[in-house]
């Protein structure tokens, strides 16, 4: 594993979507994992992931 990314989220669905898209777009040739910790969002963030 080259990189572990941890994102803490609360009701920022669009920002989280943009963040994840950016990570997948910009990380090339490295082995990575992403953990998203959702703090009981009510905006559909968890479902979007």
C-alpha atoms as a PDB file:
ATOM      1  CA  UNK A   1       0.000   0.000   0.000  1.00  0.00           C
ATOM      2  CA  UNK A   2       1.500   3.311  -1.092  1.00  0.00           C
ATOM      3  CA  UNK A   3      -1.140   5.656   0.295  1.00  0.00           C
ATOM      4  CA  UNK A   4      -4.108   5.631   2.676  1.00  0.00           C
ATOM      5  CA  UNK A   5      -6.580   8.501   2.446  1.00  0.00           C
ATOM      6  CA  UNK A   6      -9.091   9.181   5.214  1.00  0.00           C
ATOM      7  CA  UNK A   7     -11.930  11.633   4.602  1.00  0.00           C
ATOM      8  CA  UNK A   8     -14.265  12.747   7.389  1.00  0.00           C
ATOM      9  CA  UNK A   9     -17.608  13.935   6.057  1.00  0.00           C
ATOM     10  CA  UNK A  10     -20.764  15.553   7.384  1.00  0.00           C
ATOM     11  CA  UNK A  11     -23.408  16.849   4.978  1.00  0.00           C
ATOM     12  CA  UNK A  12     -20.995  17.785   2.194  1.00  0.00           C
ATOM     13  CA  UNK A  13     -22.199  15.399  -0.506  1.00  0.00           C
ATOM     14  CA  UNK A  14     -21.132  17.479  -3.513  1.00  0.00           C
ATOM     15  CA  UNK A  15     -17.754  18.376  -2.006  1.00  0.00           C
ATOM     16  CA  UNK A  16     -17.160  14.706  -1.169  1.00  0.00           C
ATOM     17  CA  UNK A  17     -18.106  13.686  -4.706  1.00  0.00           C
ATOM     18  CA  UNK A  18     -15.676  16.257  -6.129  1.00  0.00           C
ATOM     19  CA  UNK A  19     -12.951  15.144  -3.722  1.00  0.00           C
ATOM     20  CA  UNK A  20     -13.304  11.457  -4.616  1.00  0.00           C
ATOM     21  CA  UNK A  21     -13.375  12.221  -8.339  1.00  0.00           C
ATOM     22  CA  UNK A  22     -10.209  14.302  -7.974  1.00  0.00           C
ATOM     23  CA  UNK A  23      -8.415  11.549  -6.081  1.00  0.00           C
ATOM     24  CA  UNK A  24      -9.239   8.936  -8.727  1.00  0.00           C
ATOM     25  CA  UNK A  25      -8.368  11.354 -11.543  1.00  0.00           C
ATOM     26  CA  UNK A  26      -5.009  12.464 -10.121  1.00  0.00           C
ATOM     27  CA  UNK A  27      -3.597   9.277  -8.583  1.00  0.00           C
ATOM     28  CA  UNK A  28      -1.787   7.242 -11.184  1.00  0.00           C
ATOM     29  CA  UNK A  29       0.606   4.346 -10.782  1.00  0.00           C
ATOM     30  CA  UNK A  30       0.189   4.114  -7.009  1.00  0.00           C
ATOM     31  CA  UNK A  31      -1.714   1.626  -4.893  1.00  0.00           C
ATOM     32  CA  UNK A  32      -4.100   3.482  -2.583  1.00  0.00           C
ATOM     33  CA  UNK A  33      -7.130   3.037  -0.385  1.00  0.00           C
ATOM     34  CA  UNK A  34      -9.785   5.521   0.663  1.00  0.00           C
ATOM     35  CA  UNK A  35     -11.736   5.474   3.906  1.00  0.00           C
ATOM     36  CA  UNK A  36     -14.743   7.775   4.153  1.00  0.00           C
ATOM     37  CA  UNK A  37     -16.020   8.349   7.684  1.00  0.00           C
ATOM     38  CA  UNK A  38     -19.529   9.778   7.600  1.00  0.00           C
ATOM     39  CA  UNK A  39     -20.891  11.498  10.703  1.00  0.00           C
ATOM     40  CA  UNK A  40     -24.608  10.731  10.214  1.00  0.00           C
ATOM     41  CA  UNK A  41     -25.090  12.994   7.205  1.00  0.00           C
ATOM     42  CA  UNK A  42     -28.663  13.652   6.134  1.00  0.00           C
ATOM     43  CA  UNK A  43     -27.830  14.808   2.593  1.00  0.00           C
ATOM     44  CA  UNK A  44     -27.309  11.391   0.979  1.00  0.00           C
ATOM     45  CA  UNK A  45     -23.517  11.419   1.274  1.00  0.00           C
ATOM     46  CA  UNK A  46     -23.268   7.811   2.458  1.00  0.00           C
ATOM     47  CA  UNK A  47     -25.575   6.567  -0.292  1.00  0.00           C
ATOM     48  CA  UNK A  48     -23.555   8.463  -2.913  1.00  0.00           C
ATOM     49  CA  UNK A  49     -20.340   6.706  -1.873  1.00  0.00           C
END
